[in-house]
Protein backbone atom coordinates (compact mmCIF):
# COMPACT_ATOMS: atom_id res chain seq x y z
CA MET A 1 0.00 0.00 0.00
CA LYS A 2 1.42 3.38 -1.04
CA ILE A 3 1.16 6.50 1.09
CA LEU A 4 1.32 10.09 -0.11
CA PHE A 5 3.22 12.11 2.51
CA VAL A 6 3.14 15.92 2.37
CA SER A 7 5.52 17.76 4.72
CA LEU A 8 4.84 21.49 5.12
CA GLY A 9 6.62 24.20 7.07
CA CYS A 10 10.09 24.10 8.56
CA ASP A 11 12.95 21.64 8.51
CA LYS A 12 12.07 20.61 12.08
CA ASN A 13 8.75 19.42 10.68
CA LEU A 14 10.62 17.57 7.93
CA SER A 15 12.62 15.71 10.56
CA ASP A 16 9.35 14.58 12.16
CA THR A 17 8.01 13.57 8.75
CA GLU A 18 11.05 11.40 8.03
CA MET A 19 10.68 9.67 11.39
CA MET A 20 6.97 9.01 10.75
CA MET A 21 7.85 7.59 7.34
CA GLY A 22 10.39 5.32 9.01
CA MET A 23 7.73 3.98 11.37
CA LEU A 24 5.36 3.30 8.49
CA GLU A 25 8.09 1.64 6.45
CA GLU A 26 8.63 -0.76 9.35
CA ARG A 27 4.96 -1.75 9.02
CA GLY A 28 5.42 -2.51 5.33
CA TYR A 29 4.11 0.70 3.74
CA SER A 30 5.80 2.40 0.79
CA PHE A 31 5.52 5.98 -0.44
CA THR A 32 4.59 7.87 -3.57
CA ASP A 33 4.53 11.49 -4.74
CA ASP A 34 1.70 10.69 -7.16
CA GLU A 35 -1.73 11.19 -5.60
CA THR A 36 -3.27 8.88 -8.24
CA GLU A 37 -1.17 5.99 -6.90
CA ALA A 38 -1.78 6.67 -3.21
CA SER A 39 -4.16 4.67 -1.03
CA ALA A 40 -3.89 7.20 1.81
CA ALA A 41 -2.44 10.65 2.43
CA ILE A 42 -0.75 12.13 5.50
CA VAL A 43 -0.12 15.88 5.79
CA ASN A 44 2.38 17.08 8.37
CA THR A 45 0.99 20.59 8.81
CA CYS A 46 2.37 23.97 9.87
CA CYS A 47 0.66 26.98 11.48
CA PHE A 48 3.58 29.21 12.45
CA ILE A 49 2.41 32.19 10.38
CA GLY A 50 -0.69 32.98 8.35
CA ASP A 51 0.72 31.90 4.98
CA ALA A 52 1.81 28.53 6.40
CA LYS A 53 -1.60 28.04 7.97
CA GLU A 54 -3.34 28.77 4.67
CA GLU A 55 -1.07 26.35 2.81
CA SER A 56 -1.85 23.58 5.32
CA ILE A 57 -5.61 24.17 5.14
CA HIS A 58 -5.56 24.34 1.33
CA THR A 59 -3.62 21.06 1.14
CA LEU A 60 -6.08 19.31 3.49
CA LEU A 61 -9.06 20.64 1.53
CA GLU A 62 -7.55 19.54 -1.76
CA LEU A 63 -6.82 16.03 -0.52
CA GLY A 64 -10.19 16.02 1.25
CA GLU A 65 -11.85 16.17 -2.17
CA LEU A 66 -9.99 13.00 -3.18
CA ARG A 67 -11.04 11.38 0.10
CA LYS A 68 -14.66 12.38 -0.49
CA ALA A 69 -14.52 10.94 -4.00
CA GLY A 70 -13.19 7.64 -2.67
CA ARG A 71 -9.83 7.95 -4.42
CA LEU A 72 -8.12 7.99 -1.01
CA LYS A 73 -9.04 5.45 1.65
CA ALA A 74 -7.71 7.61 4.48
CA LEU A 75 -6.59 11.19 5.15
CA ILE A 76 -4.59 12.15 8.24
CA ALA A 77 -3.61 15.61 9.52
CA ALA A 78 -0.51 15.62 11.71
CA GLY A 79 1.68 18.26 13.28
CA CYS A 80 1.20 21.87 14.35
CA LEU A 81 -2.12 22.76 12.67
CA ALA A 82 -3.66 19.52 13.97
CA GLN A 83 -2.36 20.33 17.45
CA ARG A 84 -3.60 23.91 17.48
CA TYR A 85 -6.90 23.65 15.59
CA ARG A 86 -8.14 20.19 16.48
CA ALA A 87 -11.80 21.14 16.93
CA GLN A 88 -11.91 23.39 13.87
CA ILE A 89 -10.46 20.73 11.58
CA ARG A 90 -12.95 18.19 12.84
CA LYS A 91 -15.80 20.62 12.11
CA GLU A 92 -14.64 22.22 8.86
CA ILE A 93 -12.82 19.32 7.14
CA PRO A 94 -14.78 16.17 8.02
CA GLU A 95 -12.89 14.21 5.36
CA VAL A 96 -9.92 14.06 7.75
CA ASP A 97 -10.01 10.61 9.36
CA ALA A 98 -7.41 11.12 12.10
CA LEU A 99 -5.53 13.89 13.84
CA VAL A 100 -2.02 13.32 15.19
CA GLY A 101 -0.57 15.95 17.53
CA THR A 102 3.03 17.13 17.61
CA MET A 103 4.01 14.84 20.50
CA ALA A 104 2.15 11.78 19.23
CA ILE A 105 3.95 11.16 15.96
CA ASP A 106 5.02 7.73 17.23
CA ARG A 107 1.33 6.76 16.92
CA ILE A 108 1.21 7.47 13.17
CA ALA A 109 1.06 3.80 12.17
CA ASP A 110 -1.80 3.15 14.60
CA ALA A 111 -3.63 6.23 13.31
CA LEU A 112 -3.26 5.10 9.71
CA GLU A 113 -4.34 1.53 10.35
CA ASP A 114 -7.36 2.68 12.34
CA ALA A 115 -8.32 5.07 9.55
CA LEU A 116 -7.98 2.38 6.90
CA ALA A 117 -10.21 0.16 9.04
CA GLY A 118 -12.90 2.85 9.10
CA LYS A 119 -12.20 4.12 12.63
CA ARG A 120 -11.87 7.86 13.24
CA GLY A 121 -9.50 8.86 16.00
CA ASP A 122 -7.42 11.59 17.57
CA PHE A 123 -3.89 10.96 18.83
CA PHE A 124 -2.49 13.55 21.24
CA ARG A 125 -0.11 13.60 24.18
CA ASP A 126 1.11 16.00 26.86
CA LEU A 127 3.13 18.68 25.07
CA ASN A 128 5.91 18.51 27.63
CA GLU A 129 6.76 14.82 27.30
CA THR A 130 10.45 14.07 26.72
CA PRO A 131 11.13 14.04 22.97
CA VAL A 132 12.80 11.04 21.36
CA ALA A 133 15.15 10.78 18.38
CA ARG A 134 14.19 7.69 16.39
CA ARG A 135 16.95 6.04 14.38
CA ASP A 136 14.97 4.54 11.50
CA ARG A 137 14.24 7.50 9.24
CA VAL A 138 13.33 7.67 5.58
CA LEU A 139 15.52 10.43 4.16
CA THR A 140 13.78 12.84 1.80
CA THR A 141 16.71 15.23 1.27
CA GLY A 142 18.60 13.17 -1.31
CA GLY A 143 20.61 11.26 1.27
CA HIS A 144 23.74 13.42 1.37
CA TYR A 145 22.52 15.80 4.08
CA ALA A 146 20.00 15.48 6.90
CA TYR A 147 18.42 17.62 9.58
CA LEU A 148 19.12 16.51 13.14
CA LYS A 149 16.51 17.92 15.50
CA ILE A 150 18.22 18.29 18.86
CA ALA A 151 15.39 19.74 20.96
CA GLU A 152 11.65 20.26 21.00
CA GLY A 153 9.54 23.27 22.00
CA CYS A 154 10.62 26.67 23.30
CA GLY A 155 10.59 28.54 26.58
CA LYS A 156 11.35 32.04 25.31
CA HIS A 157 7.68 33.03 24.83
CA CYS A 158 8.26 35.83 22.32
CA THR A 159 5.05 37.82 22.10
CA TYR A 160 4.39 36.98 18.42
CA CYS A 161 5.06 33.23 18.56
CA VAL A 162 2.72 30.23 18.93
CA ILE A 163 5.43 27.56 19.25
CA PRO A 164 5.09 27.01 23.02
CA LYS A 165 1.34 26.43 22.50
CA VAL A 166 1.84 23.77 19.83
CA ARG A 167 5.23 22.31 20.80
CA GLY A 168 5.49 22.86 24.57
CA ASP A 169 8.40 24.17 26.61
CA TYR A 170 12.04 23.61 25.66
CA ARG A 171 13.13 19.99 26.01
CA SER A 172 16.47 18.65 24.79
CA ILE A 173 16.77 15.23 23.19
CA PRO A 174 19.31 13.11 25.13
CA MET A 175 22.79 13.30 23.65
CA GLU A 176 23.23 9.54 23.32
CA GLN A 177 20.14 9.32 21.14
CA LEU A 178 21.39 12.11 18.90
CA VAL A 179 24.81 10.52 18.48
CA SER A 180 23.19 7.18 17.72
CA GLN A 181 20.93 8.78 15.09
CA ALA A 182 23.90 10.61 13.59
CA GLN A 183 25.82 7.34 13.29
CA GLU A 184 22.92 5.69 11.50
CA LEU A 185 22.56 8.67 9.15
CA ALA A 186 26.27 8.51 8.36
CA GLN A 187 25.96 4.81 7.58
CA LYS A 188 23.21 5.69 5.10
CA GLY A 189 25.56 8.09 3.31
CA VAL A 190 24.76 11.42 4.99
CA LYS A 191 27.76 13.77 4.81
CA GLU A 192 26.25 16.94 6.32
CA LEU A 193 24.32 17.18 9.58
CA ILE A 194 22.23 20.31 10.03
CA LEU A 195 21.37 20.88 13.69
CA VAL A 196 17.90 22.33 14.18
CA ALA A 197 15.58 23.18 17.06
CA GLN A 198 13.45 26.17 17.91
CA GLU A 199 16.68 27.26 19.58
CA THR A 200 19.84 25.19 19.28
CA THR A 201 22.02 27.28 21.61
CA LEU A 202 20.10 26.24 24.75
CA TYR A 203 20.69 22.55 24.05
CA GLY A 204 21.17 20.51 27.21
CA SER A 205 20.25 23.25 29.70
CA ASP A 206 17.23 21.23 30.88
CA LEU A 207 19.00 17.84 30.99
CA TYR A 208 22.58 18.46 31.97
CA GLY A 209 22.53 21.54 34.19
CA GLY A 210 23.95 23.87 31.57
CA LYS A 211 24.26 24.57 27.87
CA THR A 212 26.00 21.57 26.31
CA LEU A 213 25.87 22.30 22.58
CA PRO A 214 29.71 22.47 22.53
CA GLN A 215 29.94 18.93 23.96
CA LEU A 216 27.36 17.70 21.44
CA LEU A 217 29.42 19.20 18.61
CA HIS A 218 32.50 17.32 19.79
CA ARG A 219 30.55 14.05 19.94
CA LEU A 220 29.00 14.51 16.50
CA ALA A 221 32.32 15.53 14.95
CA ALA A 222 33.71 12.16 16.02
CA VAL A 223 31.14 10.29 13.88
CA ASN A 224 32.86 8.66 10.91
CA GLY A 225 31.53 9.73 7.53
CA ILE A 226 30.23 13.14 8.58
CA ARG A 227 32.09 15.95 6.80
CA TRP A 228 30.07 19.05 7.69
CA ILE A 229 28.04 20.06 10.75
CA ARG A 230 25.90 23.18 10.35
CA ILE A 231 24.12 25.00 13.20
CA LEU A 232 20.82 26.81 12.64
CA TYR A 233 18.58 28.90 14.93
CA CYS A 234 21.05 30.29 17.47
CA TYR A 235 19.56 32.96 19.70
CA PRO A 236 22.28 35.64 19.93
CA GLU A 237 22.10 36.06 23.70
CA GLU A 238 22.82 32.36 24.23
CA ILE A 239 26.01 32.17 22.13
CA THR A 240 28.87 31.53 24.56
CA PRO A 241 32.68 31.67 24.26
CA GLU A 242 32.62 27.88 24.81
CA LEU A 243 30.44 27.43 21.74
CA ILE A 244 32.79 29.54 19.64
CA ASP A 245 35.76 27.55 20.97
CA ALA A 246 34.03 24.32 19.88
CA ILE A 247 33.34 25.71 16.40
CA LEU A 248 36.99 26.69 16.05
CA ALA A 249 38.28 23.40 17.47
CA GLU A 250 36.26 21.09 15.20
CA PRO A 251 37.12 21.33 11.48
CA LYS A 252 33.84 19.61 10.58
CA VAL A 253 31.74 22.42 12.08
CA CYS A 254 30.94 24.96 9.38
CA HIS A 255 31.85 28.57 10.08
CA TYR A 256 28.20 29.47 9.61
CA LEU A 257 25.63 30.58 12.17
CA ASP A 258 21.97 31.41 11.77
CA ILE A 259 21.10 34.00 14.43
CA PRO A 260 17.48 35.22 14.08
CA ILE A 261 17.49 38.70 15.67
CA GLN A 262 13.99 39.77 14.40
CA HIS A 263 14.65 43.52 14.84
CA ALA A 264 17.19 46.13 15.93
CA SER A 265 15.06 48.85 17.53
CA ASP A 266 15.22 48.49 21.31
CA ARG A 267 11.62 49.61 21.62
CA VAL A 268 10.39 46.95 19.20
CA LEU A 269 12.64 44.26 20.68
CA ARG A 270 11.10 44.91 24.11
CA ARG A 271 7.57 44.63 22.69
CA MET A 272 8.57 41.38 21.01
CA GLY A 273 9.75 39.97 24.34
CA ARG A 274 13.26 39.46 23.00
CA HIS A 275 16.21 39.23 25.38
CA THR A 276 18.72 41.47 23.58
CA ASP A 277 19.06 45.12 22.70
CA GLN A 278 20.84 46.68 19.75
CA GLU A 279 24.09 47.29 21.62
CA GLN A 280 24.27 43.63 22.68
CA LEU A 281 23.57 42.53 19.11
CA ARG A 282 26.36 44.71 17.79
CA LEU A 283 28.81 43.42 20.40
CA GLN A 284 27.90 39.78 19.74
CA ILE A 285 28.25 40.12 15.98
CA LYS A 286 31.55 41.98 16.37
CA MET A 287 32.86 39.25 18.68
CA LEU A 288 31.81 36.46 16.29
CA ARG A 289 33.54 38.13 13.35
CA GLU A 290 36.69 38.77 15.37
CA ARG A 291 36.92 35.22 16.72
CA ILE A 292 35.89 33.53 13.42
CA PRO A 293 36.98 35.91 10.62
CA ASP A 294 35.49 33.80 7.79
CA ILE A 295 32.15 33.23 9.52
CA CYS A 296 28.97 33.49 7.46
CA LEU A 297 26.10 35.05 9.43
CA ARG A 298 22.45 34.58 8.48
CA THR A 299 19.53 36.29 10.21
CA THR A 300 15.78 36.80 9.89
CA LEU A 301 13.76 39.93 10.59
CA ILE A 302 10.09 40.81 11.10
CA SER A 303 8.72 43.92 9.39
CA GLY A 304 5.65 45.77 10.61
CA PHE A 305 5.48 44.43 14.17
CA PRO A 306 2.65 46.11 16.14
CA GLY A 307 3.71 49.62 17.11
CA GLU A 308 6.68 49.72 14.71
CA THR A 309 6.99 53.36 13.72
CA GLN A 310 8.76 54.78 10.69
CA GLU A 311 11.58 55.77 13.06
CA ASP A 312 11.85 52.16 14.33
CA PHE A 313 12.00 50.91 10.77
CA GLU A 314 14.66 53.43 9.77
CA GLU A 315 16.73 52.34 12.78
CA LEU A 316 16.46 48.72 11.62
CA TYR A 317 17.35 49.74 8.06
CA ARG A 318 20.50 51.53 9.28
CA PHE A 319 21.46 48.52 11.39
CA VAL A 320 21.17 46.16 8.41
CA ASN A 321 23.16 48.56 6.23
CA GLU A 322 25.93 48.88 8.80
CA THR A 323 26.06 45.24 9.93
CA GLU A 324 26.03 43.70 6.44
CA PHE A 325 24.78 40.22 7.21
CA ASP A 326 25.92 37.62 4.70
CA ARG A 327 22.41 36.13 4.46
CA LEU A 328 19.12 37.73 5.50
CA GLY A 329 15.41 37.05 5.20
CA VAL A 330 12.47 39.30 6.12
CA PHE A 331 8.92 38.24 6.97
CA PRO A 332 5.98 40.63 7.34
CA TYR A 333 4.49 40.30 10.83
CA SER A 334 1.74 37.67 11.00
CA ARG A 335 -0.98 38.36 13.57
CA GLU A 336 -1.56 35.05 15.35
CA GLU A 337 -4.47 34.61 17.73
CA ASP A 338 -3.70 33.66 21.34
CA THR A 339 -0.43 35.57 21.29
CA PRO A 340 0.20 38.78 23.24
CA ALA A 341 1.19 40.67 20.08
CA ALA A 342 -2.18 39.97 18.46
CA GLY A 343 -3.87 42.16 21.05
CA MET A 344 -1.36 44.98 20.99
CA PRO A 345 -2.50 48.43 19.85
CA HIS A 346 -1.18 50.14 16.72
CA GLN A 347 -1.28 47.15 14.37
CA VAL A 348 0.57 48.03 11.15
CA ARG A 349 -1.25 47.91 7.81
CA GLU A 350 -0.41 44.97 5.53
CA SER A 351 0.69 47.29 2.74
CA VAL A 352 3.17 49.00 5.10
CA LYS A 353 4.53 45.66 6.39
CA ARG A 354 5.20 44.48 2.85
CA LYS A 355 6.66 47.81 1.71
CA ARG A 356 9.12 47.74 4.60
CA ARG A 357 9.94 44.09 3.88
CA ASP A 358 10.66 44.96 0.26
CA GLU A 359 12.90 47.89 1.19
CA LEU A 360 14.95 45.74 3.54
CA MET A 361 15.30 42.97 0.96
CA GLU A 362 16.36 45.47 -1.72
CA LEU A 363 19.06 46.75 0.64
CA GLN A 364 20.18 43.22 1.47
CA GLN A 365 20.25 42.29 -2.21
CA ALA A 366 22.89 44.96 -2.85
CA ILE A 367 24.89 43.77 0.18
CA ALA A 368 24.65 40.11 -0.87
CA PHE A 369 25.64 40.80 -4.49
CA GLU A 370 28.70 42.72 -3.32
CA LYS A 371 29.67 39.96 -0.89
CA ALA A 372 29.31 37.38 -3.66
CA GLN A 373 31.64 39.45 -5.87
CA ASP A 374 34.15 39.62 -2.99
CA MET A 375 34.42 35.80 -3.06
CA VAL A 376 35.95 35.80 -6.56
CA GLY A 377 39.48 34.38 -6.44
CA LYS A 378 38.90 32.35 -3.28
CA VAL A 379 39.21 28.56 -3.12
CA LEU A 380 36.32 26.86 -1.32
CA THR A 381 35.37 23.30 -0.52
CA VAL A 382 31.99 22.54 -2.08
CA MET A 383 29.45 19.75 -1.79
CA VAL A 384 27.88 18.50 -5.02
CA GLU A 385 24.08 18.76 -5.11
CA GLY A 386 23.41 17.72 -8.71
CA ARG A 387 24.13 18.47 -12.34
CA VAL A 388 22.66 20.98 -14.76
CA ALA A 389 20.97 18.95 -17.50
CA GLU A 390 23.02 18.51 -20.70
CA GLU A 391 25.81 20.81 -19.45
CA ASP A 392 29.21 20.27 -17.86
CA VAL A 393 28.05 22.29 -14.86
CA TYR A 394 27.34 21.00 -11.37
CA VAL A 395 25.18 22.62 -8.69
CA THR A 396 27.17 22.77 -5.45
CA ARG A 397 27.05 24.41 -2.04
CA THR A 398 29.81 25.99 0.02
CA TYR A 399 30.02 26.08 3.81
CA ARG A 400 28.31 29.47 3.47
CA ASP A 401 25.13 27.98 2.02
CA ALA A 402 22.43 26.07 3.90
CA PRO A 403 20.07 24.00 1.72
CA ASN A 404 16.94 25.65 0.37
CA VAL A 405 17.56 29.08 1.92
CA ASP A 406 20.93 30.23 0.59
CA GLY A 407 22.64 30.29 -2.81
CA TYR A 408 24.73 27.87 -4.88
CA LEU A 409 28.08 27.68 -6.56
CA PHE A 410 27.75 26.57 -10.20
CA LEU A 411 30.85 24.51 -10.90
CA LYS A 412 32.22 24.00 -14.41
CA CYS A 413 33.59 20.46 -14.60
CA SER A 414 33.88 18.02 -17.50
CA GLY A 415 34.58 15.09 -15.18
CA GLU A 416 32.04 12.84 -13.48
CA LEU A 417 30.96 13.91 -10.01
CA MET A 418 28.36 12.32 -7.73
CA THR A 419 25.85 13.99 -5.44
CA GLY A 420 27.46 14.29 -2.02
CA ASP A 421 31.02 14.49 -3.36
CA PHE A 422 33.31 17.17 -1.94
CA VAL A 423 35.73 19.00 -4.24
CA GLU A 424 37.83 22.16 -4.17
CA ALA A 425 36.51 25.01 -6.30
CA LEU A 426 38.10 28.24 -7.44
CA VAL A 427 35.51 31.03 -7.51
CA THR A 428 35.75 32.73 -10.91
CA GLY A 429 32.63 34.91 -10.87
CA SER A 430 29.25 35.65 -9.35
CA ASN A 431 25.68 35.96 -10.59
CA GLU A 432 23.52 37.82 -8.10
CA TYR A 433 23.30 35.57 -5.01
CA ASP A 434 25.16 32.65 -6.62
CA LEU A 435 28.82 31.96 -7.33
CA ILE A 436 30.47 30.53 -10.43
CA GLY A 437 33.59 28.39 -10.22
CA GLU A 438 35.80 25.71 -11.65
CA ILE A 439 37.72 22.76 -10.25
CA TYR A 440 40.77 24.03 -8.41
CA HIS A 441 44.13 22.61 -9.46
CA GLU A 442 47.13 23.53 -7.35
């Protein structure tokens, strides 16, 4: 029996999806991307912001039509939307046979088999149960890189965020489980581990009496077969000298950090419930660049947060212009019910949010293009992602590029390379966000 699996939202969700697929594979199920071949469909949903919520609902409605027509024998909604809007889904999308909450993904096989047997059911658990890293995953990333989710939930309670309501408080996954999963991934051919969590920098603080991400990095770097370790979602206030020491000490750890700062106006940062101010951000970024001169820094920002004035925006604009992040994304503020920010006065008009987003991205585009041009003449290790059809050009990534969010290096090479190979590339040019290169010969 073939199952159509749709994973929406973030890479943390994708990690859950791969573990659910592993559980189903153990029960003898296989998978298809073709809805005409599928006997059942499972949607791992997202509800972090309005656009993600709409995409999840649209996908369920679309597949619900196939369920209603009898072309699917079962339809299951899993993940964040199912957790947050359980009653509404039951009422508005009756074609959904089962709901599986964020902490009940280990029940996915039971949910599917009940649904196929004509039983409707809901599968939910306490949001603050200890998370588990399952070893048997079905990789959907091509097999040469994988996301390793190291913690669940969040305890920061930023005023705009629903994560604590759908994922619970911050809970680290035990280190032994993570190392075991990393070893299995390496045996399957994974070369790059990408560490993800709502916040990676707090790893271990709930289990081991302090932040132990540096120790985890040392353990993961010892896994045979792993070549790169990339760290995403580092809250700036939690980055310690010990973490920087570990990054410098382990050659496998990419000199790349994703540090979502969200804003730079102190007034807006306070309203967001963030734990840094602009001066601290400047000092932290300065320290990172001094300690790790070739570090690539990515960040994300929110435009149009409630109460953001033109002066606040101009302050943020100046900060971005002066700081020159290597990578940057901007999201218009999404008003989410049951969050403190949703009830704040002085909500910003959608048109203003998007105008400010566009202005920031136009500024960042100029910064990014200039930084790409500055890479010309450098020699970089790259990982092969694939080949451009009918051309002697390979799509590769440098240590400065996370999958799906950053750019590529297009490598001219007449030889035969395989996905997941590592080669040395001389950067010969740039094209907007991307680099152009050739095989480096000493």
